């Protein structure tokens, strides 16, 4: 559980830096956790699966960037 929160915070922070999104720790955790979920769905639809820490990190970052992009398109 704590590992998921740390991973979510890291994924959210990296995606936020890539997408120029400012936010605090809670926002990074939420973006990271939802982004990891989105990334696993997107990569699963394409036929890829992530095994290992680095692969899961990359899938989460891509998913979080997609999540941020969708949020900007829907609410701006």
N, C-alpha and C. Protein backbone atom coordinates (compact mmCIF):
# COMPACT_ATOMS: atom_id res chain seq x y z
N UNK A 1 0.82 -1.19 0.00
CA UNK A 1 0.00 0.00 0.00
C UNK A 1 0.86 1.26 0.00
N UNK A 2 1.83 1.30 0.89
CA UNK A 2 2.70 2.47 0.96
C UNK A 2 3.56 2.55 -0.30
N UNK A 3 3.98 1.40 -0.80
CA UNK A 3 4.76 1.38 -2.04
C UNK A 3 3.98 1.92 -3.21
N UNK A 4 2.69 1.63 -3.26
CA UNK A 4 1.84 2.15 -4.34
C UNK A 4 1.71 3.67 -4.25
N UNK A 5 1.60 4.19 -3.04
CA UNK A 5 1.51 5.63 -2.87
C UNK A 5 2.81 6.33 -3.25
N UNK A 6 3.93 5.72 -2.89
CA UNK A 6 5.23 6.29 -3.27
C UNK A 6 5.41 6.24 -4.77
N UNK A 7 5.06 5.11 -5.38
CA UNK A 7 5.15 4.99 -6.83
C UNK A 7 4.21 5.97 -7.52
N UNK A 8 3.00 6.12 -6.99
CA UNK A 8 2.05 7.07 -7.55
C UNK A 8 2.56 8.50 -7.46
N UNK A 9 3.16 8.85 -6.33
CA UNK A 9 3.72 10.19 -6.18
C UNK A 9 4.85 10.44 -7.16
N UNK A 10 5.70 9.44 -7.34
CA UNK A 10 6.82 9.58 -8.28
C UNK A 10 6.32 9.70 -9.72
N UNK A 11 5.39 8.84 -10.09
CA UNK A 11 4.82 8.87 -11.44
C UNK A 11 4.11 10.20 -11.68
N UNK A 12 3.31 10.65 -10.71
CA UNK A 12 2.61 11.91 -10.85
C UNK A 12 3.55 13.10 -10.95
N UNK A 13 4.63 13.07 -10.18
CA UNK A 13 5.60 14.16 -10.21
C UNK A 13 6.31 14.22 -11.56
N UNK A 14 6.75 13.07 -12.07
CA UNK A 14 7.45 13.04 -13.37
C UNK A 14 6.50 13.46 -14.49
N UNK A 15 5.28 12.94 -14.49
CA UNK A 15 4.31 13.31 -15.52
C UNK A 15 3.97 14.80 -15.42
N UNK A 16 3.87 15.32 -14.21
CA UNK A 16 3.61 16.74 -14.02
C UNK A 16 4.72 17.60 -14.59
N UNK A 17 5.96 17.17 -14.40
CA UNK A 17 7.09 17.91 -14.96
C UNK A 17 7.06 17.86 -16.49
N UNK A 18 6.75 16.70 -17.05
CA UNK A 18 6.71 16.56 -18.51
C UNK A 18 5.58 17.36 -19.13
N UNK A 19 4.45 17.48 -18.42
CA UNK A 19 3.26 18.14 -18.96
C UNK A 19 3.06 19.55 -18.42
N UNK A 20 4.05 20.09 -17.70
CA UNK A 20 3.98 21.43 -17.11
C UNK A 20 2.76 21.60 -16.22
N UNK A 21 2.58 20.68 -15.29
CA UNK A 21 1.46 20.71 -14.36
C UNK A 21 2.01 20.95 -12.96
N UNK A 22 1.53 22.00 -12.31
CA UNK A 22 1.93 22.29 -10.94
C UNK A 22 0.99 21.58 -9.99
N UNK A 23 1.53 21.09 -8.90
CA UNK A 23 0.67 20.42 -7.93
C UNK A 23 1.46 19.96 -6.73
N UNK A 24 0.74 19.64 -5.69
CA UNK A 24 1.35 19.17 -4.46
C UNK A 24 1.43 17.66 -4.41
N UNK A 25 1.78 17.16 -3.25
CA UNK A 25 1.97 15.73 -3.06
C UNK A 25 0.69 14.94 -3.30
N UNK A 26 -0.42 15.41 -2.76
CA UNK A 26 -1.69 14.69 -2.92
C UNK A 26 -2.10 14.64 -4.39
N UNK A 27 -1.96 15.75 -5.09
CA UNK A 27 -2.30 15.77 -6.52
C UNK A 27 -1.40 14.82 -7.30
N UNK A 28 -0.11 14.79 -6.97
CA UNK A 28 0.81 13.88 -7.65
C UNK A 28 0.43 12.43 -7.42
N UNK A 29 0.03 12.10 -6.19
CA UNK A 29 -0.36 10.73 -5.88
C UNK A 29 -1.61 10.35 -6.68
N UNK A 30 -2.61 11.23 -6.69
CA UNK A 30 -3.85 10.93 -7.42
C UNK A 30 -3.57 10.79 -8.90
N UNK A 31 -2.83 11.73 -9.48
CA UNK A 31 -2.50 11.67 -10.91
C UNK A 31 -1.69 10.41 -11.21
N UNK A 32 -0.76 10.06 -10.34
CA UNK A 32 0.07 8.88 -10.55
C UNK A 32 -0.70 7.58 -10.48
N UNK A 33 -1.59 7.46 -9.50
CA UNK A 33 -2.36 6.23 -9.35
C UNK A 33 -3.36 6.07 -10.50
N UNK A 34 -4.08 7.14 -10.83
CA UNK A 34 -5.02 7.08 -11.94
C UNK A 34 -4.27 6.89 -13.26
N UNK A 35 -3.15 7.57 -13.39
CA UNK A 35 -2.34 7.43 -14.60
C UNK A 35 -1.81 6.02 -14.79
N UNK A 36 -1.42 5.38 -13.71
CA UNK A 36 -0.95 3.99 -13.81
C UNK A 36 -2.08 3.07 -14.27
N UNK A 37 -3.27 3.33 -13.77
CA UNK A 37 -4.44 2.56 -14.19
C UNK A 37 -4.72 2.78 -15.68
N UNK A 38 -4.72 4.05 -16.11
CA UNK A 38 -4.95 4.37 -17.52
C UNK A 38 -3.86 3.75 -18.39
N UNK A 39 -2.62 3.86 -17.96
CA UNK A 39 -1.51 3.29 -18.73
C UNK A 39 -1.61 1.78 -18.88
N UNK A 40 -2.02 1.10 -17.81
CA UNK A 40 -2.14 -0.36 -17.91
C UNK A 40 -3.26 -0.75 -18.86
N UNK A 41 -4.36 0.03 -18.87
CA UNK A 41 -5.45 -0.25 -19.81
C UNK A 41 -5.00 -0.01 -21.25
N UNK A 42 -4.36 1.14 -21.49
CA UNK A 42 -3.92 1.49 -22.85
C UNK A 42 -2.90 0.47 -23.36
N UNK A 43 -1.91 0.17 -22.56
CA UNK A 43 -0.90 -0.80 -23.00
C UNK A 43 -1.49 -2.20 -23.12
N UNK A 44 -2.47 -2.53 -22.29
CA UNK A 44 -3.14 -3.83 -22.40
C UNK A 44 -3.92 -3.96 -23.68
N UNK A 45 -4.56 -2.86 -24.10
CA UNK A 45 -5.31 -2.89 -25.36
C UNK A 45 -4.39 -3.06 -26.56
N UNK A 46 -3.18 -2.54 -26.45
CA UNK A 46 -2.20 -2.67 -27.53
C UNK A 46 -1.55 -4.05 -27.51
N UNK A 47 -1.59 -4.71 -26.36
CA UNK A 47 -1.03 -6.05 -26.26
C UNK A 47 0.27 -6.13 -25.48
N UNK A 48 0.62 -5.08 -24.78
CA UNK A 48 1.84 -5.06 -23.98
C UNK A 48 1.49 -5.20 -22.51
N UNK A 49 2.40 -5.77 -21.75
CA UNK A 49 2.25 -5.81 -20.30
C UNK A 49 3.60 -5.47 -19.68
N UNK A 50 3.56 -4.82 -18.55
CA UNK A 50 4.77 -4.36 -17.88
C UNK A 50 5.15 -5.34 -16.77
N UNK A 51 6.41 -5.70 -16.75
CA UNK A 51 6.95 -6.57 -15.69
C UNK A 51 8.21 -5.92 -15.17
N UNK A 52 8.22 -5.58 -13.91
CA UNK A 52 9.38 -4.95 -13.31
C UNK A 52 9.12 -3.50 -12.95
N UNK A 53 9.99 -2.97 -12.13
CA UNK A 53 9.82 -1.63 -11.60
C UNK A 53 9.92 -0.56 -12.68
N UNK A 54 10.93 -0.62 -13.51
CA UNK A 54 11.13 0.41 -14.53
C UNK A 54 10.00 0.37 -15.56
N UNK A 55 9.60 -0.81 -15.97
CA UNK A 55 8.51 -0.93 -16.95
C UNK A 55 7.20 -0.38 -16.38
N UNK A 56 6.90 -0.71 -15.13
CA UNK A 56 5.69 -0.18 -14.49
C UNK A 56 5.77 1.33 -14.33
N UNK A 57 6.95 1.84 -14.05
CA UNK A 57 7.14 3.29 -13.95
C UNK A 57 6.86 3.97 -15.28
N UNK A 58 7.38 3.41 -16.36
CA UNK A 58 7.17 4.00 -17.68
C UNK A 58 5.71 3.92 -18.11
N UNK A 59 5.06 2.80 -17.85
CA UNK A 59 3.64 2.67 -18.18
C UNK A 59 2.83 3.68 -17.38
N UNK A 60 3.15 3.85 -16.12
CA UNK A 60 2.45 4.82 -15.28
C UNK A 60 2.65 6.26 -15.76
N UNK A 61 3.87 6.59 -16.17
CA UNK A 61 4.15 7.94 -16.65
C UNK A 61 3.37 8.22 -17.94
N UNK A 62 3.39 7.27 -18.86
CA UNK A 62 2.64 7.45 -20.11
C UNK A 62 1.15 7.59 -19.81
N UNK A 63 0.62 6.75 -18.94
CA UNK A 63 -0.79 6.83 -18.57
C UNK A 63 -1.14 8.13 -17.87
N UNK A 64 -0.25 8.61 -17.00
CA UNK A 64 -0.50 9.88 -16.31
C UNK A 64 -0.47 11.05 -17.29
N UNK A 65 0.43 11.00 -18.26
CA UNK A 65 0.47 12.06 -19.29
C UNK A 65 -0.82 12.04 -20.11
N UNK A 66 -1.32 10.85 -20.44
CA UNK A 66 -2.60 10.75 -21.16
C UNK A 66 -3.73 11.30 -20.30
N UNK A 67 -3.72 10.96 -19.01
CA UNK A 67 -4.75 11.44 -18.09
C UNK A 67 -4.72 12.97 -17.97
N UNK A 68 -3.54 13.56 -17.85
CA UNK A 68 -3.42 15.01 -17.78
C UNK A 68 -3.89 15.65 -19.08
N UNK A 69 -3.50 15.07 -20.20
CA UNK A 69 -3.90 15.60 -21.51
C UNK A 69 -5.42 15.57 -21.66
N UNK A 70 -6.04 14.45 -21.28
CA UNK A 70 -7.50 14.35 -21.36
C UNK A 70 -8.18 15.36 -20.44
N UNK A 71 -7.63 15.53 -19.24
CA UNK A 71 -8.18 16.51 -18.32
C UNK A 71 -8.12 17.92 -18.88
N UNK A 72 -7.04 18.25 -19.54
CA UNK A 72 -6.93 19.58 -20.15
C UNK A 72 -7.91 19.74 -21.30
N UNK A 73 -8.10 18.71 -22.11
CA UNK A 73 -9.02 18.79 -23.23
C UNK A 73 -10.47 18.90 -22.75
N UNK A 74 -10.80 18.21 -21.69
CA UNK A 74 -12.18 18.22 -21.20
C UNK A 74 -12.54 19.46 -20.40
N UNK A 75 -11.59 20.02 -19.65
CA UNK A 75 -11.92 21.08 -18.70
C UNK A 75 -11.29 22.44 -18.99
N UNK A 76 -10.63 22.60 -20.13
CA UNK A 76 -10.06 23.92 -20.46
C UNK A 76 -10.64 24.43 -21.74
